[in-house]
C-alpha atoms as a PDB file:
ATOM      1  CA  MET A   1      -0.077  -0.053   0.050  1.00  0.00           C
ATOM      2  CA  SER A   2       1.128   3.534  -0.831  1.00  0.00           C
ATOM      3  CA  PRO A   3       1.603   5.806   2.103  1.00  0.00           C
ATOM      4  CA  ARG A   4      -1.201   8.143   2.697  1.00  0.00           C
ATOM      5  CA  PRO A   5      -0.235  11.892   2.009  1.00  0.00           C
ATOM      6  CA  ALA A   6       0.256  13.934   5.038  1.00  0.00           C
ATOM      7  CA  ARG A   7      -2.861  15.880   6.183  1.00  0.00           C
ATOM      8  CA  ALA A   8      -2.540  19.486   5.246  1.00  0.00           C
ATOM      9  CA  THR A   9      -2.150  21.707   8.286  1.00  0.00           C
ATOM     10  CA  PRO A  10      -2.960  25.397   8.403  1.00  0.00           C
ATOM     11  CA  GLN A  11       0.713  26.039   8.126  1.00  0.00           C
ATOM     12  CA  THR A  12       1.354  23.869   5.058  1.00  0.00           C
ATOM     13  CA  GLN A  13      -1.854  25.441   3.418  1.00  0.00           C
ATOM     14  CA  ARG A  14      -0.141  28.918   4.086  1.00  0.00           C
ATOM     15  CA  ILE A  15       3.187  27.763   2.564  1.00  0.00           C
ATOM     16  CA  ARG A  16       1.251  26.467  -0.502  1.00  0.00           C
ATOM     17  CA  ARG A  17      -0.656  29.726  -0.737  1.00  0.00           C
ATOM     18  CA  ILE A  18       2.673  31.771  -0.679  1.00  0.00           C
ATOM     19  CA  PHE A  19       4.282  29.564  -3.363  1.00  0.00           C
ATOM     20  CA  ALA A  20       1.081  29.780  -5.465  1.00  0.00           C
ATOM     21  CA  GLU A  21       1.098  33.689  -5.215  1.00  0.00           C
ATOM     22  CA  SER A  22       4.730  33.880  -6.002  1.00  0.00           C
ATOM     23  CA  ALA A  23       4.429  31.632  -9.011  1.00  0.00           C
ATOM     24  CA  ALA A  24       1.267  33.376 -10.311  1.00  0.00           C
ATOM     25  CA  THR A  25       3.213  36.777  -9.979  1.00  0.00           C
ATOM     26  CA  LEU A  26       6.172  35.322 -11.847  1.00  0.00           C
ATOM     27  CA  LEU A  27       3.800  34.014 -14.662  1.00  0.00           C
ATOM     28  CA  ALA A  28       2.092  37.423 -15.014  1.00  0.00           C
ATOM     29  CA  VAL A  29       5.352  39.225 -15.413  1.00  0.00           C
ATOM     30  CA  PHE A  30       6.475  36.757 -18.015  1.00  0.00           C
ATOM     31  CA  ALA A  31       3.116  37.224 -19.866  1.00  0.00           C
ATOM     32  CA  ARG A  32       3.182  41.059 -19.813  1.00  0.00           C
ATOM     33  CA  GLU A  33       6.727  42.359 -19.455  1.00  0.00           C
ATOM     34  CA  VAL A  34       9.178  40.299 -21.713  1.00  0.00           C
ATOM     35  CA  GLY A  35       9.314  43.255 -23.989  1.00  0.00           C
ATOM     36  CA  SER A  36      10.351  45.536 -21.116  1.00  0.00           C
ATOM     37  CA  LEU A  37      12.833  42.968 -19.788  1.00  0.00           C
ATOM     38  CA  GLU A  38      14.487  42.804 -23.173  1.00  0.00           C
ATOM     39  CA  ARG A  39      14.896  46.548 -23.358  1.00  0.00           C
ATOM     40  CA  MET A  40      16.197  46.610 -19.895  1.00  0.00           C
ATOM     41  CA  SER A  41      18.801  43.859 -20.592  1.00  0.00           C
ATOM     42  CA  GLN A  42      19.904  45.534 -23.670  1.00  0.00           C
ATOM     43  CA  ILE A  43      20.592  48.816 -21.818  1.00  0.00           C
ATOM     44  CA  PHE A  44      22.244  47.080 -18.888  1.00  0.00           C
ATOM     45  CA  ALA A  45      24.651  44.890 -20.921  1.00  0.00           C
ATOM     46  CA  ALA A  46      25.484  47.760 -23.328  1.00  0.00           C
ATOM     47  CA  THR A  47      26.423  49.990 -20.565  1.00  0.00           C
ATOM     48  CA  LEU A  48      28.797  47.462 -19.137  1.00  0.00           C
ATOM     49  CA  ALA A  49      30.212  46.517 -22.606  1.00  0.00           C
ATOM     50  CA  ARG A  50      31.284  50.192 -22.992  1.00  0.00           C
ATOM     51  CA  GLY A  51      33.157  50.187 -19.599  1.00  0.00           C
ATOM     52  CA  ARG A  52      30.609  52.386 -17.900  1.00  0.00           C
ATOM     53  CA  THR A  53      29.481  51.896 -14.367  1.00  0.00           C
ATOM     54  CA  VAL A  54      26.098  50.567 -13.188  1.00  0.00           C
ATOM     55  CA  PHE A  55      24.785  52.087 -10.001  1.00  0.00           C
ATOM     56  CA  PHE A  56      22.086  50.431  -7.843  1.00  0.00           C
ATOM     57  CA  CYS A  57      19.835  51.851  -5.156  1.00  0.00           C
ATOM     58  CA  GLY A  58      16.797  50.963  -3.046  1.00  0.00           C
ATOM     59  CA  ASN A  59      15.442  50.950   0.469  1.00  0.00           C
ATOM     60  CA  GLY A  60      15.181  48.350   2.879  1.00  0.00           C
ATOM     61  CA  GLY A  61      14.867  44.809   1.208  1.00  0.00           C
ATOM     62  CA  SER A  62      15.737  46.662  -2.074  1.00  0.00           C
ATOM     63  CA  ALA A  63      18.869  48.041  -0.600  1.00  0.00           C
ATOM     64  CA  ALA A  64      19.956  44.611   0.153  1.00  0.00           C
ATOM     65  CA  GLU A  65      19.233  43.562  -3.478  1.00  0.00           C
ATOM     66  CA  ALA A  66      21.212  46.555  -4.747  1.00  0.00           C
ATOM     67  CA  GLN A  67      24.214  45.179  -2.846  1.00  0.00           C
ATOM     68  CA  HIS A  68      23.546  41.711  -3.957  1.00  0.00           C
ATOM     69  CA  LEU A  69      23.331  42.705  -7.711  1.00  0.00           C
ATOM     70  CA  ALA A  70      26.429  44.926  -7.544  1.00  0.00           C
ATOM     71  CA  THR A  71      28.357  42.182  -5.993  1.00  0.00           C
ATOM     72  CA  GLU A  72      27.412  39.661  -8.723  1.00  0.00           C
ATOM     73  CA  LEU A  73      28.933  42.181 -11.281  1.00  0.00           C
ATOM     74  CA  VAL A  74      32.159  43.041  -9.430  1.00  0.00           C
ATOM     75  CA  VAL A  75      33.035  39.600  -8.434  1.00  0.00           C
ATOM     76  CA  ARG A  76      31.224  37.001 -10.621  1.00  0.00           C
ATOM     77  CA  PHE A  77      27.788  35.545 -11.294  1.00  0.00           C
ATOM     78  CA  VAL A  78      27.990  32.155 -13.064  1.00  0.00           C
ATOM     79  CA  ARG A  79      31.157  32.596 -15.005  1.00  0.00           C
ATOM     80  CA  ASP A  80      34.738  33.504 -14.307  1.00  0.00           C
ATOM     81  CA  ARG A  81      35.614  36.835 -16.121  1.00  0.00           C
ATOM     82  CA  GLY A  82      36.949  40.215 -15.524  1.00  0.00           C
ATOM     83  CA  ALA A  83      35.507  42.417 -12.975  1.00  0.00           C
ATOM     84  CA  LEU A  84      32.544  44.739 -14.146  1.00  0.00           C
ATOM     85  CA  PRO A  85      32.062  48.122 -12.772  1.00  0.00           C
ATOM     86  CA  ALA A  86      29.125  48.436 -10.317  1.00  0.00           C
ATOM     87  CA  MET A  87      28.307  50.222  -7.147  1.00  0.00           C
ATOM     88  CA  ALA A  88      25.394  49.967  -4.567  1.00  0.00           C
ATOM     89  CA  LEU A  89      24.671  53.518  -3.416  1.00  0.00           C
ATOM     90  CA  GLY A  90      24.153  54.136   0.329  1.00  0.00           C
ATOM     91  CA  THR A  91      26.383  51.469   1.669  1.00  0.00           C
ATOM     92  CA  ASP A  92      29.061  53.888   3.137  1.00  0.00           C
ATOM     93  CA  VAL A  93      27.790  54.636   6.688  1.00  0.00           C
ATOM     94  CA  ALA A  94      29.628  57.950   7.043  1.00  0.00           C
ATOM     95  CA  MET A  95      28.445  59.269   3.713  1.00  0.00           C
ATOM     96  CA  LEU A  96      24.982  58.047   4.397  1.00  0.00           C
ATOM     97  CA  THR A  97      24.678  59.699   7.815  1.00  0.00           C
ATOM     98  CA  ALA A  98      26.302  62.879   6.611  1.00  0.00           C
ATOM     99  CA  ALA A  99      24.050  63.248   3.597  1.00  0.00           C
ATOM    100  CA  GLY A 100      21.066  62.427   5.780  1.00  0.00           C
ATOM    101  CA  ASN A 101      22.073  64.952   8.436  1.00  0.00           C
ATOM    102  CA  ASP A 102      23.173  67.714   6.191  1.00  0.00           C
ATOM    103  CA  LEU A 103      21.115  67.392   3.114  1.00  0.00           C
ATOM    104  CA  GLY A 104      18.212  65.279   4.192  1.00  0.00           C
ATOM    105  CA  PHE A 105      17.377  61.626   3.640  1.00  0.00           C
ATOM    106  CA  ASP A 106      15.620  62.454   0.425  1.00  0.00           C
ATOM    107  CA  ARG A 107      19.132  63.344  -1.062  1.00  0.00           C
ATOM    108  CA  VAL A 108      21.313  60.431   0.219  1.00  0.00           C
ATOM    109  CA  PHE A 109      21.351  58.530  -3.359  1.00  0.00           C
ATOM    110  CA  ALA A 110      21.225  61.651  -5.427  1.00  0.00           C
ATOM    111  CA  ARG A 111      24.318  63.231  -3.843  1.00  0.00           C
ATOM    112  CA  GLN A 112      26.226  60.212  -4.808  1.00  0.00           C
ATOM    113  CA  ILE A 113      25.087  60.203  -8.311  1.00  0.00           C
ATOM    114  CA  GLU A 114      26.004  63.941  -8.577  1.00  0.00           C
ATOM    115  CA  ALA A 115      29.580  63.057  -7.324  1.00  0.00           C
ATOM    116  CA  LEU A 116      30.106  59.727  -9.275  1.00  0.00           C
ATOM    117  CA  GLY A 117      27.597  59.479 -12.103  1.00  0.00           C
ATOM    118  CA  ARG A 118      28.962  60.264 -15.647  1.00  0.00           C
ATOM    119  CA  ARG A 119      27.259  60.373 -18.994  1.00  0.00           C
ATOM    120  CA  GLY A 120      26.871  56.855 -20.250  1.00  0.00           C
ATOM    121  CA  ASP A 121      26.532  55.303 -16.867  1.00  0.00           C
ATOM    122  CA  LEU A 122      23.426  53.571 -15.673  1.00  0.00           C
ATOM    123  CA  LEU A 123      21.212  53.720 -12.558  1.00  0.00           C
ATOM    124  CA  VAL A 124      19.203  50.826 -11.583  1.00  0.00           C
ATOM    125  CA  ALA A 125      16.590  52.171  -9.092  1.00  0.00           C
ATOM    126  CA  MET A 126      14.248  49.817  -7.250  1.00  0.00           C
ATOM    127  CA  THR A 127      11.145  50.989  -5.313  1.00  0.00           C
ATOM    128  CA  THR A 128       8.120  48.656  -4.688  1.00  0.00           C
ATOM    129  CA  SER A 129       5.894  51.511  -4.070  1.00  0.00           C
ATOM    130  CA  GLY A 130       7.290  53.763  -6.743  1.00  0.00           C
ATOM    131  CA  ARG A 131       6.964  56.790  -4.297  1.00  0.00           C
ATOM    132  CA  SER A 132      10.162  56.722  -2.240  1.00  0.00           C
ATOM    133  CA  PRO A 133      11.523  60.325  -2.313  1.00  0.00           C
ATOM    134  CA  ASN A 134      15.245  59.406  -2.222  1.00  0.00           C
ATOM    135  CA  ILE A 135      14.775  57.159  -5.172  1.00  0.00           C
ATOM    136  CA  LEU A 136      12.786  59.800  -7.218  1.00  0.00           C
ATOM    137  CA  GLU A 137      15.599  62.343  -6.249  1.00  0.00           C
ATOM    138  CA  ALA A 138      18.256  59.935  -7.512  1.00  0.00           C
ATOM    139  CA  VAL A 139      16.315  59.570 -10.839  1.00  0.00           C
ATOM    140  CA  ARG A 140      16.231  63.312 -11.218  1.00  0.00           C
ATOM    141  CA  ALA A 141      19.970  63.519 -10.445  1.00  0.00           C
ATOM    142  CA  ALA A 142      20.773  60.870 -12.949  1.00  0.00           C
ATOM    143  CA  ARG A 143      18.751  62.593 -15.578  1.00  0.00           C
ATOM    144  CA  ALA A 144      20.718  65.815 -15.074  1.00  0.00           C
ATOM    145  CA  ARG A 145      24.053  64.061 -15.519  1.00  0.00           C
ATOM    146  CA  GLY A 146      23.169  61.999 -18.710  1.00  0.00           C
ATOM    147  CA  VAL A 147      23.002  58.797 -16.708  1.00  0.00           C
ATOM    148  CA  GLN A 148      20.381  56.317 -18.159  1.00  0.00           C
ATOM    149  CA  VAL A 149      17.761  54.798 -15.673  1.00  0.00           C
ATOM    150  CA  ILE A 150      16.321  51.296 -15.405  1.00  0.00           C
ATOM    151  CA  GLY A 151      13.415  51.065 -12.874  1.00  0.00           C
ATOM    152  CA  MET A 152      11.975  48.211 -10.986  1.00  0.00           C
ATOM    153  CA  THR A 153       8.668  48.789  -9.181  1.00  0.00           C
ATOM    154  CA  GLY A 154       5.268  47.420  -8.269  1.00  0.00           C
ATOM    155  CA  GLU A 155       1.708  47.898  -9.422  1.00  0.00           C
ATOM    156  CA  ALA A 156       1.485  51.225  -7.790  1.00  0.00           C
ATOM    157  CA  GLY A 157       4.548  52.610  -9.308  1.00  0.00           C
ATOM    158  CA  LYS A 158       3.356  53.384 -12.809  1.00  0.00           C
ATOM    159  CA  ALA A 159       4.183  57.110 -12.604  1.00  0.00           C
ATOM    160  CA  PHE A 160       7.764  56.270 -11.400  1.00  0.00           C
ATOM    161  CA  ALA A 161       8.215  53.752 -14.381  1.00  0.00           C
ATOM    162  CA  ARG A 162       7.459  56.513 -16.851  1.00  0.00           C
ATOM    163  CA  ARG A 163      10.529  58.616 -15.585  1.00  0.00           C
ATOM    164  CA  CYS A 164      12.768  55.691 -16.623  1.00  0.00           C
ATOM    165  CA  ASP A 165      14.362  54.788 -19.846  1.00  0.00           C
ATOM    166  CA  ALA A 166      13.136  51.152 -19.227  1.00  0.00           C
ATOM    167  CA  ALA A 167      11.146  49.702 -16.336  1.00  0.00           C
ATOM    168  CA  LEU A 168       9.620  46.604 -14.975  1.00  0.00           C
ATOM    169  CA  ILE A 169       6.187  46.902 -13.296  1.00  0.00           C
ATOM    170  CA  VAL A 170       5.310  43.878 -11.112  1.00  0.00           C
ATOM    171  CA  PRO A 171       1.604  43.440 -11.218  1.00  0.00           C
ATOM    172  CA  SER A 172       1.331  43.229  -7.413  1.00  0.00           C
ATOM    173  CA  ARG A 173       1.071  45.399  -4.384  1.00  0.00           C
ATOM    174  CA  ASN A 174       2.551  42.873  -1.984  1.00  0.00           C
ATOM    175  CA  THR A 175       6.124  43.979  -1.170  1.00  0.00           C
ATOM    176  CA  ALA A 176       7.462  40.369  -0.676  1.00  0.00           C
ATOM    177  CA  ARG A 177       6.259  39.284  -4.168  1.00  0.00           C
ATOM    178  CA  ILE A 178       7.559  42.323  -5.862  1.00  0.00           C
ATOM    179  CA  GLN A 179      11.009  42.002  -4.322  1.00  0.00           C
ATOM    180  CA  GLU A 180      11.167  38.289  -5.486  1.00  0.00           C
ATOM    181  CA  VAL A 181      10.540  39.316  -8.885  1.00  0.00           C
ATOM    182  CA  HIS A 182      13.107  42.206  -8.876  1.00  0.00           C
ATOM    183  CA  LEU A 183      15.747  39.751  -7.650  1.00  0.00           C
ATOM    184  CA  LEU A 184      14.926  37.250 -10.521  1.00  0.00           C
ATOM    185  CA  VAL A 185      15.082  40.188 -13.004  1.00  0.00           C
ATOM    186  CA  GLY A 186      18.407  41.381 -11.526  1.00  0.00           C
ATOM    187  CA  HIS A 187      19.903  37.924 -12.018  1.00  0.00           C
ATOM    188  CA  ILE A 188      18.558  37.883 -15.599  1.00  0.00           C
ATOM    189  CA  LEU A 189      20.283  41.334 -16.197  1.00  0.00           C
ATOM    190  CA  CYS A 190      23.621  40.096 -14.564  1.00  0.00           C
ATOM    191  CA  GLU A 191      23.629  36.952 -16.597  1.00  0.00           C
ATOM    192  CA  ARG A 192      23.064  38.833 -19.944  1.00  0.00           C
ATOM    193  CA  ALA A 193      26.014  41.260 -19.035  1.00  0.00           C
ATOM    194  CA  GLU A 194      28.207  38.394 -18.167  1.00  0.00           C
ATOM    195  CA  GLU A 195      27.548  36.564 -21.373  1.00  0.00           C
ATOM    196  CA  MET A 196      28.347  39.631 -23.303  1.00  0.00           C
ATOM    197  CA  ALA A 197      31.567  40.251 -21.395  1.00  0.00           C
ATOM    198  CA  THR A 198      32.692  36.719 -22.030  1.00  0.00           C
ATOM    199  CA  ARG A 199      31.971  37.082 -25.666  1.00  0.00           C
ATOM    200  CA  ARG A 200      33.898  40.227 -25.997  1.00  0.00           C
ATOM    201  CA  LYS A 201      36.815  38.624 -24.268  1.00  0.00           C
ATOM    202  CA  ARG A 202      36.918  35.677 -26.654  1.00  0.00           C
ATOM    203  CA  ALA A 203      36.702  38.189 -29.646  1.00  0.00           C
ATOM    204  CA  GLY A 204      39.679  40.104 -28.166  1.00  0.00           C
ATOM    205  CA  ARG A 205      37.781  43.309 -27.678  1.00  0.00           C
END
């Protein structure tokens, strides 16, 4: 006799619901946003192929994702290759507290873009709500310096997305589901850039 399946408990039902929500969100993005993802990956890979810098910024969990993705580029993702220029903004505690104290928290990312951003660089701005003042200020600073902008946001961030050269809008208002998709998309961007860097090295460029 085959063993009886374990009786579903309230906790296992909750786990299944979370997995189902996450999977449904991913499938919705795949159905609606493939064109946007392709545009984002083209900008991302081309920026790094030209030797320009990719800056990342976000708040809370998105700040952690910014550090994660910058590290994938500087160190490695899935291939051994040369370092790619990337930086997560807001990781320097002295700079963060000085800018927050002297200029206001809204300016903490913008100030770094003003200091470090150059025409041809790229800012990847992540905000699940699309309303984070410091992210919006960073986008304005990037625009003023000729830095392109890729945005990642949620369903409430459509106005923010219009400020970007290319953007992903996750069709959800659940912060956790939105951030899960942002991380997957970040990995897609890193893989595309790494593939291009590897091809260029093989071609001797």
